[in-house]
Structures are given as structure tokens and as C-alpha cells.
Amino acid sequence: MHGDLQRIFEEKLVVGPLGLDDFSSVRHLHAKALSGQTLEVLSQEEIDAFLRLVGSPAYSDILVKEDVHGAWLDGELIGTASWQATMGANSTARIGSVFVRHPRFGIGRRLVAEVESRARQSGFLRYSAWATTNAVPFFERLGYTQVSRGIKTLAPDCALPVTFLRKDVAPPARSSTTLM
């Protein structure tokens, strides 16, 4: 059964950029995914604070700052991931939260590959991410390493315990051409 569903996801999944018109679907997905998949690692108070944030106008402000991509299956948004540039001496692309409705079917992996590709096309070779404890193994399977643990403040009344991760990628190989 799992193999059949995996094949359906691979054949029918459409990944692409999201915009303002998609934010209602994004909010719904983020609320359902976080509350359903983090019960063992977040307190009810932390989940409730996140749900209040998702329902607030401030959440749109957060989403607008990122390059958000979604995974659609038969017209339903079933996953999102995003990225944004960070500035400084070690310019890094910050990979945003990955939310999927159906974990373990490759949706998150495909979304992260998409946003990493976008970041790489923009010249970034270092990625950072933060994840709740339950999502750390997912990022580690994608080549990320844990850097530290702490609190990620998303809004004045929404802070979550997270693990911070990093991934460095090799620069693209240069092709050598010989002039005769």
C-alpha cells in the first residue's frame, strides 16, 4: 500500500511557488500539520501560541518575506517549504519550516530539494534551518547537521523549542575547456 501511495505522490505531485492568493491554504496546512505532528515534542501552550500566530495578520507578514513553494495533489495543498537569504559575512540561505500533511511519502524531501535548488541558483552554498525535535531526523537524512538547540521566537507570544541545523554544499564543478 505504501508503495502505491508513494507512486501516486511521485506522479501527481505538482511543486511550485506560492503567492498571496494561496495564504489561506498555507495557514490551514501549517495549523493542521504542526498541531498533528508535534504533540509529543511541544506543549499544548506552545501549539496554541503557534495556532494563534497562524491565524493572525502577522503570519502573512512572515510568509511574504520568504520564497514559499508548495506541493499540490489534485488541487489540494499538502506541503510547503520556503527559503530566504540572510546577509552577513557568511551569507546563508535559511530554509524555512517544512510542513507536510502526509509525512514519510517524500513530499518534504521534494520540497526541500526545490527550495535548496532555488537558493543555490541564487549563489548560496550554505543553508541553515530550525526544526522541532520530531523533524530533526528528517533534516539529518538530507545532510544537515545539528549546530545548537534553543528557542525560536516567531512572534512576541510565540516561541518554540527547536534545534538549529546547517548544511554546506560544494560549489558547482567548473568545466574546463581547452582552446586550440
Protein backbone atom coordinates (compact mmCIF):
# COMPACT_ATOMS: atom_id res chain seq x y z
CA MET A 1 0.00 0.00 0.00
CA HIS A 2 2.77 2.43 0.94
CA GLY A 3 4.48 1.84 -2.44
CA ASP A 4 1.26 2.58 -4.32
CA LEU A 5 0.77 5.84 -2.44
CA GLN A 6 4.44 6.74 -2.98
CA ARG A 7 4.00 6.24 -6.74
CA ILE A 8 0.85 8.38 -6.78
CA PHE A 9 2.67 11.18 -4.94
CA GLU A 10 5.59 10.99 -7.37
CA GLU A 11 3.35 11.01 -10.45
CA LYS A 12 0.71 13.54 -9.45
CA LEU A 13 2.52 15.92 -7.11
CA VAL A 14 2.91 19.42 -8.50
CA VAL A 15 5.52 21.65 -6.85
CA GLY A 16 5.64 25.37 -7.47
CA PRO A 17 5.86 28.84 -5.97
CA LEU A 18 3.01 30.13 -3.80
CA GLY A 19 1.65 33.65 -3.58
CA LEU A 20 -0.76 35.76 -1.56
CA ASP A 21 -3.78 34.01 -3.04
CA ASP A 22 -2.53 30.73 -1.55
CA PHE A 23 -2.06 32.01 2.02
CA SER A 24 -5.42 30.73 3.26
CA SER A 25 -4.46 27.19 2.19
CA VAL A 26 -0.98 27.68 3.68
CA ARG A 27 -2.43 28.73 7.04
CA HIS A 28 -4.75 25.73 7.12
CA LEU A 29 -1.95 23.30 6.25
CA HIS A 30 0.51 24.80 8.76
CA ALA A 31 -2.04 24.71 11.59
CA LYS A 32 -3.05 21.10 10.89
CA ALA A 33 0.48 19.81 10.31
CA LEU A 34 2.06 21.40 13.37
CA SER A 35 -0.75 20.52 15.76
CA GLY A 36 -0.97 16.96 14.46
CA GLN A 37 2.72 16.12 14.27
CA THR A 38 4.26 17.80 17.31
CA LEU A 39 2.04 16.63 20.17
CA GLU A 40 4.93 14.62 21.63
CA VAL A 41 7.51 17.41 21.45
CA LEU A 42 5.61 20.66 22.09
CA SER A 43 3.38 21.61 24.98
CA GLN A 44 -0.27 22.41 24.36
CA GLU A 45 0.52 26.04 25.25
CA GLU A 46 3.25 26.16 22.55
CA ILE A 47 0.91 24.63 19.97
CA ASP A 48 -1.87 27.06 20.91
CA ALA A 49 0.53 30.03 20.60
CA PHE A 50 1.55 28.85 17.12
CA LEU A 51 -2.09 28.42 16.09
CA ARG A 52 -2.87 31.98 17.27
CA LEU A 53 0.07 33.25 15.21
CA VAL A 54 -1.05 31.33 12.10
CA GLY A 55 -4.49 32.93 12.39
CA SER A 56 -3.13 36.45 12.83
CA PRO A 57 -2.25 39.08 10.20
CA ALA A 58 1.38 38.85 11.39
CA TYR A 59 1.64 35.40 9.79
CA SER A 60 1.13 36.84 6.33
CA ASP A 61 3.96 39.27 7.05
CA ILE A 62 6.23 36.30 7.87
CA LEU A 63 5.23 34.42 4.70
CA VAL A 64 5.72 37.44 2.43
CA LYS A 65 9.38 37.68 3.46
CA GLU A 66 10.09 34.15 2.20
CA ASP A 67 10.14 32.42 -1.17
CA VAL A 68 7.41 29.86 -0.38
CA HIS A 69 6.87 26.76 -2.50
CA GLY A 70 4.01 24.33 -2.22
CA ALA A 71 3.20 20.77 -3.17
CA TRP A 72 -0.26 20.25 -4.63
CA LEU A 73 -2.04 16.95 -5.12
CA ASP A 74 -5.28 17.06 -7.10
CA GLY A 75 -5.78 20.74 -6.25
CA GLU A 76 -5.09 20.37 -2.52
CA LEU A 77 -2.06 21.95 -0.87
CA ILE A 78 -0.33 19.12 1.01
CA GLY A 79 3.09 20.58 1.74
CA THR A 80 5.16 23.76 1.90
CA ALA A 81 8.78 24.78 2.30
CA SER A 82 10.45 28.14 1.89
CA TRP A 83 13.78 29.90 1.86
CA GLN A 84 15.17 33.38 2.32
CA ALA A 85 18.60 34.95 2.15
CA THR A 86 20.43 36.01 5.27
CA MET A 87 23.12 38.63 4.98
CA GLY A 88 26.47 38.90 6.64
CA ALA A 89 30.00 37.64 6.36
CA ASN A 90 28.82 34.07 5.82
CA SER A 91 25.77 34.58 3.63
CA THR A 92 23.39 31.72 4.25
CA ALA A 93 20.08 30.68 2.79
CA ARG A 94 17.67 29.99 5.62
CA ILE A 95 15.41 27.09 4.78
CA GLY A 96 12.01 27.83 6.27
CA SER A 97 9.78 25.43 8.07
CA VAL A 98 8.68 22.37 6.16
CA PHE A 99 5.05 21.41 6.65
CA VAL A 100 3.52 18.31 5.09
CA ARG A 101 0.10 16.79 5.52
CA HIS A 102 1.31 13.23 4.84
CA PRO A 103 4.79 12.56 6.30
CA ARG A 104 7.04 9.76 5.00
CA PHE A 105 5.99 9.94 1.34
CA GLY A 106 8.84 12.10 0.04
CA ILE A 107 6.83 15.32 -0.09
CA GLY A 108 9.06 17.18 2.36
CA ARG A 109 12.21 15.85 0.69
CA ARG A 110 10.99 17.06 -2.69
CA LEU A 111 10.07 20.48 -1.31
CA VAL A 112 13.42 20.95 0.43
CA ALA A 113 15.22 19.92 -2.77
CA GLU A 114 13.21 22.59 -4.62
CA VAL A 115 13.97 25.43 -2.21
CA GLU A 116 17.63 24.39 -1.89
CA SER A 117 17.85 24.44 -5.69
CA ARG A 118 16.37 27.95 -5.78
CA ALA A 119 18.82 29.10 -3.13
CA ARG A 120 21.74 27.50 -4.96
CA GLN A 121 20.68 29.21 -8.22
CA SER A 122 20.93 32.47 -6.27
CA GLY A 123 24.52 31.66 -5.29
CA PHE A 124 24.10 30.20 -1.80
CA LEU A 125 26.22 27.23 -0.77
CA ARG A 126 25.36 27.25 2.93
CA TYR A 127 21.90 26.52 4.28
CA SER A 128 20.52 26.84 7.79
CA ALA A 129 17.28 25.55 9.23
CA TRP A 130 15.48 25.18 12.52
CA ALA A 131 13.23 22.29 13.40
CA THR A 132 11.18 20.92 16.25
CA THR A 133 12.67 17.78 17.76
CA ASN A 134 10.45 15.44 15.75
CA ALA A 135 11.75 16.90 12.44
CA VAL A 136 15.49 16.78 13.22
CA PRO A 137 15.99 13.24 11.80
CA PHE A 138 14.33 14.38 8.54
CA PHE A 139 16.85 17.20 8.11
CA GLU A 140 19.74 14.93 9.10
CA ARG A 141 18.75 12.49 6.33
CA LEU A 142 19.03 15.44 3.94
CA GLY A 143 22.62 16.16 5.02
CA TYR A 144 22.03 18.78 7.72
CA THR A 145 23.98 18.67 10.97
CA GLN A 146 22.87 19.92 14.34
CA VAL A 147 24.52 23.15 15.44
CA SER A 148 22.67 24.00 18.65
CA ARG A 149 19.38 23.89 20.49
CA GLY A 150 17.40 26.86 21.66
CA ILE A 151 14.22 28.83 21.34
CA LYS A 152 12.91 30.25 18.08
CA THR A 153 10.77 33.33 18.69
CA LEU A 154 8.25 33.64 15.87
CA ALA A 155 6.21 36.44 17.47
CA PRO A 156 6.13 38.16 20.86
CA ASP A 157 3.77 35.49 22.22
CA CYS A 158 5.02 32.51 20.19
CA ALA A 159 8.34 30.85 20.95
CA LEU A 160 9.15 27.21 20.22
CA PRO A 161 11.96 24.94 21.43
CA VAL A 162 13.95 23.98 18.34
CA THR A 163 17.18 22.55 17.03
CA PHE A 164 19.26 24.71 14.70
CA LEU A 165 20.88 22.92 11.79
CA ARG A 166 23.30 23.69 8.97
CA LYS A 167 24.31 22.22 5.64
CA ASP A 168 27.20 23.24 3.42
CA VAL A 169 27.20 22.21 -0.21
CA ALA A 170 30.13 22.01 -2.60
CA PRO A 171 30.39 24.71 -5.23
CA PRO A 172 29.42 23.61 -8.71
CA ALA A 173 32.23 21.94 -10.63
CA ARG A 174 33.81 24.21 -13.18
CA SER A 175 34.04 22.84 -16.64
CA SER A 176 37.41 23.18 -18.20
CA THR A 177 37.63 23.96 -21.86
CA THR A 178 40.74 23.83 -23.91
CA LEU A 179 41.34 26.46 -26.52
CA MET A 180 43.25 25.37 -29.57
